[in-house]
PDB file of all heavy atoms in Angstrom:
ATOM      1  N   TRP A   1      15.085   6.275  13.360  1.00  0.00           N
ATOM      2  CA  TRP A   1      16.387   6.679  13.876  1.00  0.00           C
ATOM      3  C   TRP A   1      16.886   5.729  14.966  1.00  0.00           C
ATOM      4  O   TRP A   1      18.088   5.406  15.004  1.00  0.00           O
ATOM      5  CB  TRP A   1      16.357   8.106  14.423  1.00  0.00           C
ATOM      6  CG  TRP A   1      17.660   8.599  14.932  1.00  0.00           C
ATOM      7  CD1 TRP A   1      18.016   8.803  16.234  1.00  0.00           C
ATOM      8  CD2 TRP A   1      18.810   8.959  14.129  1.00  0.00           C
ATOM      9  NE1 TRP A   1      19.314   9.254  16.312  1.00  0.00           N
ATOM     10  CE2 TRP A   1      19.818   9.353  15.032  1.00  0.00           C
ATOM     11  CE3 TRP A   1      19.079   8.974  12.768  1.00  0.00           C
ATOM     12  CZ2 TRP A   1      21.080   9.768  14.589  1.00  0.00           C
ATOM     13  CZ3 TRP A   1      20.321   9.374  12.334  1.00  0.00           C
ATOM     14  CH2 TRP A   1      21.310   9.772  13.265  1.00  0.00           C
ATOM     15  N   SER A   2      16.028   5.293  15.828  1.00  0.00           N
ATOM     16  CA  SER A   2      16.426   4.414  16.932  1.00  0.00           C
ATOM     17  C   SER A   2      16.690   2.996  16.495  1.00  0.00           C
ATOM     18  O   SER A   2      17.325   2.233  17.228  1.00  0.00           O
ATOM     19  CB  SER A   2      15.351   4.419  18.018  1.00  0.00           C
ATOM     20  OG  SER A   2      14.203   3.720  17.586  1.00  0.00           O
ATOM     21  N   GLY A   3      16.179   2.608  15.329  1.00  0.00           N
ATOM     22  CA  GLY A   3      16.283   1.239  14.900  1.00  0.00           C
ATOM     23  C   GLY A   3      15.252   0.310  15.501  1.00  0.00           C
ATOM     24  O   GLY A   3      15.292  -0.891  15.256  1.00  0.00           O
ATOM     25  N   GLU A   4      14.302   0.870  16.231  1.00  0.00           N
ATOM     26  CA  GLU A   4      13.293   0.073  16.922  1.00  0.00           C
ATOM     27  C   GLU A   4      12.021  -0.132  16.084  1.00  0.00           C
ATOM     28  O   GLU A   4      11.291  -1.096  16.326  1.00  0.00           O
ATOM     29  CB  GLU A   4      12.912   0.723  18.248  1.00  0.00           C
ATOM     30  CG  GLU A   4      14.055   0.809  19.254  1.00  0.00           C
ATOM     31  CD  GLU A   4      14.515  -0.573  19.706  1.00  0.00           C
ATOM     32  OE1 GLU A   4      13.688  -1.516  19.771  1.00  0.00           O
ATOM     33  OE2 GLU A   4      15.720  -0.710  20.024  1.00  0.00           O
ATOM     34  N   ILE A   5      11.774   0.767  15.157  1.00  0.00           N
ATOM     35  CA  ILE A   5      10.593   0.667  14.318  1.00  0.00           C
ATOM     36  C   ILE A   5      11.014   0.306  12.919  1.00  0.00           C
ATOM     37  O   ILE A   5      11.772   1.033  12.260  1.00  0.00           O
ATOM     38  CB  ILE A   5       9.786   1.987  14.315  1.00  0.00           C
ATOM     39  CG1 ILE A   5       9.399   2.379  15.763  1.00  0.00           C
ATOM     40  CG2 ILE A   5       8.538   1.846  13.445  1.00  0.00           C
ATOM     41  CD1 ILE A   5       8.750   3.730  15.859  1.00  0.00           C
ATOM     42  N   LEU A   6      10.540  -0.826  12.442  1.00  0.00           N
ATOM     43  CA  LEU A   6      10.892  -1.365  11.114  1.00  0.00           C
ATOM     44  C   LEU A   6       9.646  -1.604  10.305  1.00  0.00           C
ATOM     45  O   LEU A   6       8.600  -1.920  10.838  1.00  0.00           O
ATOM     46  CB  LEU A   6      11.680  -2.669  11.258  1.00  0.00           C
ATOM     47  CG  LEU A   6      12.876  -2.668  12.225  1.00  0.00           C
ATOM     48  CD1 LEU A   6      13.398  -4.086  12.366  1.00  0.00           C
ATOM     49  CD2 LEU A   6      13.957  -1.761  11.717  1.00  0.00           C
ATOM     50  N   ASP A   7       9.784  -1.495   8.996  1.00  0.00           N
ATOM     51  CA  ASP A   7       8.668  -1.770   8.091  1.00  0.00           C
ATOM     52  C   ASP A   7       9.196  -2.439   6.847  1.00  0.00           C
ATOM     53  O   ASP A   7      10.216  -2.034   6.314  1.00  0.00           O
ATOM     54  CB  ASP A   7       7.935  -0.481   7.743  1.00  0.00           C
ATOM     55  CG  ASP A   7       6.609  -0.735   7.063  1.00  0.00           C
ATOM     56  OD1 ASP A   7       6.603  -0.902   5.822  1.00  0.00           O
ATOM     57  OD2 ASP A   7       5.587  -0.799   7.767  1.00  0.00           O
ATOM     58  N   TYR A   8       8.463  -3.469   6.379  1.00  0.00           N
ATOM     59  CA  TYR A   8       8.873  -4.203   5.193  1.00  0.00           C
ATOM     60  C   TYR A   8       7.655  -4.406   4.280  1.00  0.00           C
ATOM     61  O   TYR A   8       6.532  -4.626   4.765  1.00  0.00           O
ATOM     62  CB  TYR A   8       9.440  -5.583   5.544  1.00  0.00           C
ATOM     63  CG  TYR A   8      10.705  -5.541   6.362  1.00  0.00           C
ATOM     64  CD1 TYR A   8      10.653  -5.685   7.732  1.00  0.00           C
ATOM     65  CD2 TYR A   8      11.936  -5.387   5.739  1.00  0.00           C
ATOM     66  CE1 TYR A   8      11.832  -5.653   8.489  1.00  0.00           C
ATOM     67  CE2 TYR A   8      13.089  -5.358   6.477  1.00  0.00           C
ATOM     68  CZ  TYR A   8      13.044  -5.486   7.842  1.00  0.00           C
ATOM     69  OH  TYR A   8      14.202  -5.447   8.587  1.00  0.00           O
ATOM     70  N   ALA A   9       7.906  -4.340   2.986  1.00  0.00           N
ATOM     71  CA  ALA A   9       6.882  -4.710   2.051  1.00  0.00           C
ATOM     72  C   ALA A   9       6.624  -6.208   2.115  1.00  0.00           C
ATOM     73  O   ALA A   9       7.529  -6.999   2.406  1.00  0.00           O
ATOM     74  CB  ALA A   9       7.325  -4.329   0.625  1.00  0.00           C
ATOM     75  N   ASP A  10       5.394  -6.616   1.861  1.00  0.00           N
ATOM     76  CA  ASP A  10       5.044  -8.026   1.926  1.00  0.00           C
ATOM     77  C   ASP A  10       5.911  -8.896   1.045  1.00  0.00           C
ATOM     78  O   ASP A  10       6.242 -10.037   1.374  1.00  0.00           O
ATOM     79  CB  ASP A  10       3.582  -8.214   1.589  1.00  0.00           C
ATOM     80  CG  ASP A  10       2.636  -7.711   2.642  1.00  0.00           C
ATOM     81  OD1 ASP A  10       3.070  -7.505   3.784  1.00  0.00           O
ATOM     82  OD2 ASP A  10       1.453  -7.511   2.338  1.00  0.00           O
ATOM     83  N   ALA A  11       6.308  -8.360  -0.111  1.00  0.00           N
ATOM     84  CA  ALA A  11       7.060  -9.134  -1.071  1.00  0.00           C
ATOM     85  C   ALA A  11       8.450  -9.518  -0.570  1.00  0.00           C
ATOM     86  O   ALA A  11       9.030 -10.491  -1.066  1.00  0.00           O
ATOM     87  CB  ALA A  11       7.176  -8.368  -2.387  1.00  0.00           C
ATOM     88  N   VAL A  12       8.978  -8.792   0.393  1.00  0.00           N
ATOM     89  CA  VAL A  12      10.332  -9.057   0.885  1.00  0.00           C
ATOM     90  C   VAL A  12      10.368  -9.478   2.338  1.00  0.00           C
ATOM     91  O   VAL A  12      11.437  -9.850   2.848  1.00  0.00           O
ATOM     92  CB  VAL A  12      11.258  -7.855   0.670  1.00  0.00           C
ATOM     93  CG1 VAL A  12      11.200  -7.348  -0.753  1.00  0.00           C
ATOM     94  CG2 VAL A  12      10.889  -6.704   1.662  1.00  0.00           C
ATOM     95  N   LYS A  13       9.247  -9.470   3.017  1.00  0.00           N
ATOM     96  CA  LYS A  13       9.189  -9.801   4.430  1.00  0.00           C
ATOM     97  C   LYS A  13       9.714 -11.222   4.680  1.00  0.00           C
ATOM     98  O   LYS A  13       9.341 -12.167   3.991  1.00  0.00           O
ATOM     99  CB  LYS A  13       7.749  -9.666   4.937  1.00  0.00           C
ATOM    100  CG  LYS A  13       7.619  -9.645   6.432  1.00  0.00           C
ATOM    101  CD  LYS A  13       6.175  -9.322   6.844  1.00  0.00           C
ATOM    102  CE  LYS A  13       5.788  -7.936   6.351  1.00  0.00           C
ATOM    103  NZ  LYS A  13       4.395  -7.565   6.771  1.00  0.00           N
ATOM    104  N   GLY A  14      10.601 -11.329   5.654  1.00  0.00           N
ATOM    105  CA  GLY A  14      11.203 -12.608   5.976  1.00  0.00           C
ATOM    106  C   GLY A  14      12.466 -12.901   5.211  1.00  0.00           C
ATOM    107  O   GLY A  14      13.203 -13.841   5.555  1.00  0.00           O
ATOM    108  N   ARG A  15      12.739 -12.125   4.151  1.00  0.00           N
ATOM    109  CA  ARG A  15      13.928 -12.333   3.351  1.00  0.00           C
ATOM    110  C   ARG A  15      14.926 -11.167   3.439  1.00  0.00           C
ATOM    111  O   ARG A  15      16.125 -11.382   3.368  1.00  0.00           O
ATOM    112  CB  ARG A  15      13.567 -12.550   1.872  1.00  0.00           C
ATOM    113  CG  ARG A  15      12.679 -13.770   1.637  1.00  0.00           C
ATOM    114  CD  ARG A  15      12.489 -14.019   0.152  1.00  0.00           C
ATOM    115  NE  ARG A  15      11.790 -12.903  -0.495  1.00  0.00           N
ATOM    116  CZ  ARG A  15      12.321 -12.177  -1.486  1.00  0.00           C
ATOM    117  NH1 ARG A  15      13.548 -12.417  -1.923  1.00  0.00           N
ATOM    118  NH2 ARG A  15      11.606 -11.182  -2.032  1.00  0.00           N
ATOM    119  N   PHE A  16      14.407  -9.953   3.594  1.00  0.00           N
ATOM    120  CA  PHE A  16      15.244  -8.747   3.671  1.00  0.00           C
ATOM    121  C   PHE A  16      15.274  -8.225   5.106  1.00  0.00           C
ATOM    122  O   PHE A  16      14.285  -8.312   5.829  1.00  0.00           O
ATOM    123  CB  PHE A  16      14.700  -7.638   2.759  1.00  0.00           C
ATOM    124  CG  PHE A  16      14.830  -7.883   1.287  1.00  0.00           C
ATOM    125  CD1 PHE A  16      15.190  -9.111   0.793  1.00  0.00           C
ATOM    126  CD2 PHE A  16      14.566  -6.845   0.399  1.00  0.00           C
ATOM    127  CE1 PHE A  16      15.294  -9.333  -0.577  1.00  0.00           C
ATOM    128  CE2 PHE A  16      14.667  -7.048  -0.957  1.00  0.00           C
ATOM    129  CZ  PHE A  16      15.033  -8.292  -1.454  1.00  0.00           C
ATOM    130  N   THR A  17      16.425  -7.658   5.474  1.00  0.00           N
ATOM    131  CA  THR A  17      16.568  -7.056   6.806  1.00  0.00           C
ATOM    132  C   THR A  17      17.244  -5.702   6.653  1.00  0.00           C
ATOM    133  O   THR A  17      18.323  -5.602   6.032  1.00  0.00           O
ATOM    134  CB  THR A  17      17.413  -7.914   7.744  1.00  0.00           C
ATOM    135  OG1 THR A  17      16.791  -9.209   7.867  1.00  0.00           O
ATOM    136  CG2 THR A  17      17.482  -7.272   9.104  1.00  0.00           C
ATOM    137  N   ILE A  18      16.617  -4.662   7.179  1.00  0.00           N
ATOM    138  CA  ILE A  18      17.205  -3.316   7.155  1.00  0.00           C
ATOM    139  C   ILE A  18      17.824  -3.021   8.523  1.00  0.00           C
ATOM    140  O   ILE A  18      17.280  -3.406   9.561  1.00  0.00           O
ATOM    141  CB  ILE A  18      16.185  -2.256   6.752  1.00  0.00           C
ATOM    142  CG1 ILE A  18      16.848  -0.904   6.528  1.00  0.00           C
ATOM    143  CG2 ILE A  18      15.057  -2.141   7.803  1.00  0.00           C
ATOM    144  CD1 ILE A  18      15.914   0.141   5.899  1.00  0.00           C
ATOM    145  N   SER A  19      18.964  -2.348   8.535  1.00  0.00           N
ATOM    146  CA  SER A  19      19.606  -1.970   9.755  1.00  0.00           C
ATOM    147  C   SER A  19      20.353  -0.658   9.534  1.00  0.00           C
ATOM    148  O   SER A  19      20.569  -0.238   8.394  1.00  0.00           O
ATOM    149  CB  SER A  19      20.585  -3.051  10.243  1.00  0.00           C
ATOM    150  OG  SER A  19      21.606  -3.272   9.292  1.00  0.00           O
ATOM    151  N   ARG A  20      20.764   0.002  10.614  1.00  0.00           N
ATOM    152  CA  ARG A  20      21.505   1.255  10.468  1.00  0.00           C
ATOM    153  C   ARG A  20      22.538   1.393  11.575  1.00  0.00           C
ATOM    154  O   ARG A  20      22.378   0.883  12.680  1.00  0.00           O
ATOM    155  CB  ARG A  20      20.550   2.466  10.466  1.00  0.00           C
ATOM    156  CG  ARG A  20      19.820   2.706  11.767  1.00  0.00           C
ATOM    157  CD  ARG A  20      18.715   3.757  11.566  1.00  0.00           C
ATOM    158  NE  ARG A  20      19.262   5.052  11.178  1.00  0.00           N
ATOM    159  CZ  ARG A  20      18.512   6.068  10.736  1.00  0.00           C
ATOM    160  NH1 ARG A  20      17.207   5.933  10.607  1.00  0.00           N
ATOM    161  NH2 ARG A  20      19.095   7.219  10.379  1.00  0.00           N
ATOM    162  N   ASP A  21      23.603   2.112  11.234  1.00  0.00           N
ATOM    163  CA  ASP A  21      24.661   2.434  12.147  1.00  0.00           C
ATOM    164  C   ASP A  21      24.758   3.954  12.172  1.00  0.00           C
ATOM    165  O   ASP A  21      25.335   4.581  11.281  1.00  0.00           O
ATOM    166  CB  ASP A  21      26.002   1.830  11.679  1.00  0.00           C
ATOM    167  CG  ASP A  21      27.137   2.068  12.646  1.00  0.00           C
ATOM    168  OD1 ASP A  21      27.054   3.019  13.462  1.00  0.00           O
ATOM    169  OD2 ASP A  21      28.120   1.311  12.592  1.00  0.00           O
ATOM    170  N   ASN A  22      24.156   4.575  13.169  1.00  0.00           N
ATOM    171  CA  ASN A  22      24.053   6.024  13.210  1.00  0.00           C
ATOM    172  C   ASN A  22      25.418   6.691  13.402  1.00  0.00           C
ATOM    173  O   ASN A  22      25.639   7.790  12.919  1.00  0.00           O
ATOM    174  CB  ASN A  22      23.114   6.473  14.329  1.00  0.00           C
ATOM    175  CG  ASN A  22      21.663   6.117  14.019  1.00  0.00           C
ATOM    176  OD1 ASN A  22      21.294   5.917  12.864  1.00  0.00           O
ATOM    177  ND2 ASN A  22      20.833   6.060  15.051  1.00  0.00           N
ATOM    178  N   ALA A  23      26.338   6.039  14.117  1.00  0.00           N
ATOM    179  CA  ALA A  23      27.667   6.606  14.317  1.00  0.00           C
ATOM    180  C   ALA A  23      28.402   6.768  12.999  1.00  0.00           C
ATOM    181  O   ALA A  23      29.180   7.697  12.857  1.00  0.00           O
ATOM    182  CB  ALA A  23      28.459   5.748  15.281  1.00  0.00           C
ATOM    183  N   LYS A  24      28.166   5.866  12.055  1.00  0.00           N
ATOM    184  CA  LYS A  24      28.800   5.919  10.768  1.00  0.00           C
ATOM    185  C   LYS A  24      27.893   6.512   9.683  1.00  0.00           C
ATOM    186  O   LYS A  24      28.330   6.619   8.516  1.00  0.00           O
ATOM    187  CB  LYS A  24      29.267   4.526  10.343  1.00  0.00           C
ATOM    188  CG  LYS A  24      30.321   3.923  11.255  1.00  0.00           C
ATOM    189  CD  LYS A  24      30.750   2.552  10.765  1.00  0.00           C
ATOM    190  CE  LYS A  24      31.822   1.943  11.648  1.00  0.00           C
ATOM    191  NZ  LYS A  24      32.252   0.625  11.170  1.00  0.00           N
ATOM    192  N   ASN A  25      26.669   6.820  10.031  1.00  0.00           N
ATOM    193  CA  ASN A  25      25.701   7.335   9.049  1.00  0.00           C
ATOM    194  C   ASN A  25      25.542   6.380   7.885  1.00  0.00           C
ATOM    195  O   ASN A  25      25.554   6.793   6.713  1.00  0.00           O
ATOM    196  CB  ASN A  25      26.104   8.721   8.545  1.00  0.00           C
ATOM    197  CG  ASN A  25      26.016   9.782   9.628  1.00  0.00           C
ATOM    198  OD1 ASN A  25      25.136   9.728  10.494  1.00  0.00           O
ATOM    199  ND2 ASN A  25      26.889  10.768   9.571  1.00  0.00           N
ATOM    200  N   ILE A  26      25.329   5.114   8.190  1.00  0.00           N
ATOM    201  CA  ILE A  26      25.166   4.075   7.175  1.00  0.00           C
ATOM    202  C   ILE A  26      23.922   3.267   7.460  1.00  0.00           C
ATOM    203  O   ILE A  26      23.632   2.933   8.619  1.00  0.00           O
ATOM    204  CB  ILE A  26      26.404   3.142   7.175  1.00  0.00           C
ATOM    205  CG1 ILE A  26      27.664   3.897   6.699  1.00  0.00           C
ATOM    206  CG2 ILE A  26      26.164   1.928   6.262  1.00  0.00           C
ATOM    207  CD1 ILE A  26      28.915   3.085   6.748  1.00  0.00           C
ATOM    208  N   VAL A  27      23.208   2.931   6.391  1.00  0.00           N
ATOM    209  CA  VAL A  27      22.073   2.017   6.481  1.00  0.00           C
ATOM    210  C   VAL A  27      22.341   0.844   5.546  1.00  0.00           C
ATOM    211  O   VAL A  27      22.924   1.022   4.466  1.00  0.00           O
ATOM    212  CB  VAL A  27      20.746   2.722   6.141  1.00  0.00           C
ATOM    213  CG1 VAL A  27      20.741   3.248   4.725  1.00  0.00           C
ATOM    214  CG2 VAL A  27      19.571   1.785   6.379  1.00  0.00           C
ATOM    215  N   HIS A  28      21.979  -0.352   5.979  1.00  0.00           N
ATOM    216  CA  HIS A  28      22.205  -1.577   5.208  1.00  0.00           C
ATOM    217  C   HIS A  28      20.872  -2.234   4.845  1.00  0.00           C
ATOM    218  O   HIS A  28      19.887  -2.110   5.573  1.00  0.00           O
ATOM    219  CB  HIS A  28      23.063  -2.566   5.986  1.00  0.00           C
ATOM    220  CG  HIS A  28      24.392  -2.041   6.382  1.00  0.00           C
ATOM    221  ND1 HIS A  28      25.416  -1.874   5.489  1.00  0.00           N
ATOM    222  CD2 HIS A  28      24.880  -1.684   7.611  1.00  0.00           C
ATOM    223  CE1 HIS A  28      26.475  -1.403   6.117  1.00  0.00           C
ATOM    224  NE2 HIS A  28      26.192  -1.290   7.421  1.00  0.00           N
ATOM    225  N   LEU A  29      20.912  -2.983   3.758  1.00  0.00           N
ATOM    226  CA  LEU A  29      19.802  -3.858   3.412  1.00  0.00           C
ATOM    227  C   LEU A  29      20.377  -5.222   3.094  1.00  0.00           C
ATOM    228  O   LEU A  29      20.999  -5.406   2.054  1.00  0.00           O
ATOM    229  CB  LEU A  29      19.004  -3.312   2.223  1.00  0.00           C
ATOM    230  CG  LEU A  29      17.764  -4.116   1.860  1.00  0.00           C
ATOM    231  CD1 LEU A  29      16.696  -3.984   2.947  1.00  0.00           C
ATOM    232  CD2 LEU A  29      17.183  -3.669   0.509  1.00  0.00           C
ATOM    233  N   GLN A  30      20.180  -6.160   4.002  1.00  0.00           N
ATOM    234  CA  GLN A  30      20.596  -7.538   3.772  1.00  0.00           C
ATOM    235  C   GLN A  30      19.491  -8.265   3.051  1.00  0.00           C
ATOM    236  O   GLN A  30      18.354  -8.319   3.517  1.00  0.00           O
ATOM    237  CB  GLN A  30      20.872  -8.221   5.112  1.00  0.00           C
ATOM    238  CG  GLN A  30      21.321  -9.681   4.981  1.00  0.00           C
ATOM    239  CD  GLN A  30      22.667  -9.831   4.341  1.00  0.00           C
ATOM    240  OE1 GLN A  30      23.595  -9.105   4.667  1.00  0.00           O
ATOM    241  NE2 GLN A  30      22.765 -10.743   3.373  1.00  0.00           N
ATOM    242  N   MET A  31      19.809  -8.803   1.885  1.00  0.00           N
ATOM    243  CA  MET A  31      18.831  -9.450   1.031  1.00  0.00           C
ATOM    244  C   MET A  31      19.215 -10.931   0.891  1.00  0.00           C
ATOM    245  O   MET A  31      20.243 -11.268   0.325  1.00  0.00           O
ATOM    246  CB  MET A  31      18.779  -8.804  -0.334  1.00  0.00           C
ATOM    247  CG  MET A  31      18.516  -7.304  -0.269  1.00  0.00           C
ATOM    248  SD  MET A  31      18.331  -6.561  -1.914  1.00  0.00           S
ATOM    249  CE  MET A  31      20.002  -6.768  -2.552  1.00  0.00           C
ATOM    250  N   ASN A  32      18.354 -11.808   1.412  1.00  0.00           N
ATOM    251  CA  ASN A  32      18.572 -13.242   1.375  1.00  0.00           C
ATOM    252  C   ASN A  32      17.506 -13.923   0.540  1.00  0.00           C
ATOM    253  O   ASN A  32      16.410 -13.372   0.331  1.00  0.00           O
ATOM    254  CB  ASN A  32      18.579 -13.807   2.796  1.00  0.00           C
ATOM    255  CG  ASN A  32      19.668 -13.258   3.658  1.00  0.00           C
ATOM    256  OD1 ASN A  32      20.786 -12.988   3.181  1.00  0.00           O
ATOM    257  ND2 ASN A  32      19.409 -13.134   4.948  1.00  0.00           N
ATOM    258  N   ARG A  33      17.805 -15.139   0.096  1.00  0.00           N
ATOM    259  CA  ARG A  33      16.878 -15.917  -0.702  1.00  0.00           C
ATOM    260  C   ARG A  33      16.298 -15.097  -1.832  1.00  0.00           C
ATOM    261  O   ARG A  33      15.080 -15.046  -2.059  1.00  0.00           O
ATOM    262  CB  ARG A  33      15.767 -16.511   0.187  1.00  0.00           C
ATOM    263  CG  ARG A  33      16.306 -17.384   1.315  1.00  0.00           C
ATOM    264  CD  ARG A  33      15.210 -18.171   2.033  1.00  0.00           C
ATOM    265  NE  ARG A  33      14.167 -17.349   2.544  1.00  0.00           N
ATOM    266  CZ  ARG A  33      14.229 -16.689   3.722  1.00  0.00           C
ATOM    267  NH1 ARG A  33      15.305 -16.746   4.446  1.00  0.00           N
ATOM    268  NH2 ARG A  33      13.183 -15.980   4.117  1.00  0.00           N
ATOM    269  N   LEU A  34      17.189 -14.480  -2.577  1.00  0.00           N
ATOM    270  CA  LEU A  34      16.781 -13.585  -3.656  1.00  0.00           C
ATOM    271  C   LEU A  34      16.061 -14.305  -4.762  1.00  0.00           C
ATOM    272  O   LEU A  34      16.383 -15.467  -5.075  1.00  0.00           O
ATOM    273  CB  LEU A  34      17.997 -12.834  -4.220  1.00  0.00           C
ATOM    274  CG  LEU A  34      18.484 -11.689  -3.327  1.00  0.00           C
ATOM    275  CD1 LEU A  34      19.908 -11.301  -3.691  1.00  0.00           C
ATOM    276  CD2 LEU A  34      17.559 -10.475  -3.474  1.00  0.00           C
ATOM    277  N   LYS A  35      15.109 -13.623  -5.361  1.00  0.00           N
ATOM    278  CA  LYS A  35      14.300 -14.135  -6.456  1.00  0.00           C
ATOM    279  C   LYS A  35      14.506 -13.268  -7.700  1.00  0.00           C
ATOM    280  O   LYS A  35      14.829 -12.081  -7.582  1.00  0.00           O
ATOM    281  CB  LYS A  35      12.825 -14.130  -6.061  1.00  0.00           C
ATOM    282  CG  LYS A  35      12.478 -14.877  -4.793  1.00  0.00           C
ATOM    283  CD  LYS A  35      11.025 -14.695  -4.437  1.00  0.00           C
ATOM    284  CE  LYS A  35      10.680 -15.421  -3.152  1.00  0.00           C
ATOM    285  NZ  LYS A  35       9.232 -15.230  -2.803  1.00  0.00           N
ATOM    286  N   PRO A  36      14.282 -13.814  -8.901  1.00  0.00           N
ATOM    287  CA  PRO A  36      14.377 -13.002 -10.105  1.00  0.00           C
ATOM    288  C   PRO A  36      13.512 -11.746 -10.064  1.00  0.00           C
ATOM    289  O   PRO A  36      13.900 -10.687 -10.587  1.00  0.00           O
ATOM    290  CB  PRO A  36      13.939 -13.957 -11.213  1.00  0.00           C
ATOM    291  CG  PRO A  36      14.334 -15.308 -10.701  1.00  0.00           C
ATOM    292  CD  PRO A  36      14.073 -15.250  -9.239  1.00  0.00           C
ATOM    293  N   GLU A  37      12.359 -11.799  -9.411  1.00  0.00           N
ATOM    294  CA  GLU A  37      11.489 -10.645  -9.321  1.00  0.00           C
ATOM    295  C   GLU A  37      12.036  -9.547  -8.412  1.00  0.00           C
ATOM    296  O   GLU A  37      11.475  -8.462  -8.342  1.00  0.00           O
ATOM    297  CB  GLU A  37      10.075 -11.038  -8.879  1.00  0.00           C
ATOM    298  CG  GLU A  37      10.049 -11.944  -7.667  1.00  0.00           C
ATOM    299  CD  GLU A  37       9.936 -13.409  -8.003  1.00  0.00           C
ATOM    300  OE1 GLU A  37      10.683 -13.877  -8.902  1.00  0.00           O
ATOM    301  OE2 GLU A  37       9.091 -14.094  -7.400  1.00  0.00           O
ATOM    302  N   ASP A  38      13.122  -9.801  -7.680  1.00  0.00           N
ATOM    303  CA  ASP A  38      13.793  -8.781  -6.905  1.00  0.00           C
ATOM    304  C   ASP A  38      14.692  -7.912  -7.781  1.00  0.00           C
ATOM    305  O   ASP A  38      15.220  -6.913  -7.274  1.00  0.00           O
ATOM    306  CB  ASP A  38      14.621  -9.395  -5.793  1.00  0.00           C
ATOM    307  CG  ASP A  38      13.768 -10.106  -4.744  1.00  0.00           C
ATOM    308  OD1 ASP A  38      12.695  -9.578  -4.391  1.00  0.00           O
ATOM    309  OD2 ASP A  38      14.189 -11.188  -4.272  1.00  0.00           O
ATOM    310  N   THR A  39      14.888  -8.279  -9.024  1.00  0.00           N
ATOM    311  CA  THR A  39      15.753  -7.510  -9.915  1.00  0.00           C
ATOM    312  C   THR A  39      15.183  -6.100 -10.072  1.00  0.00           C
ATOM    313  O   THR A  39      14.021  -5.914 -10.433  1.00  0.00           O
ATOM    314  CB  THR A  39      15.830  -8.185 -11.279  1.00  0.00           C
ATOM    315  OG1 THR A  39      16.492  -9.451 -11.137  1.00  0.00           O
ATOM    316  CG2 THR A  39      16.617  -7.336 -12.272  1.00  0.00           C
ATOM    317  N   ALA A  40      16.030  -5.095  -9.802  1.00  0.00           N
ATOM    318  CA  ALA A  40      15.615  -3.704  -9.865  1.00  0.00           C
ATOM    319  C   ALA A  40      16.820  -2.841  -9.524  1.00  0.00           C
ATOM    320  O   ALA A  40      17.867  -3.329  -9.105  1.00  0.00           O
ATOM    321  CB  ALA A  40      14.494  -3.431  -8.863  1.00  0.00           C
TER     322      ALA A  40
END
């Protein structure tokens, strides 16, 4: 909830970033350097 504790799977670490805006009740996933194996 605070945005201070984050966890990432090894497969996406360093490429994906999760964030949230509690005032708007929105969570984002920024995905960079995408690979074909990210298809899902």
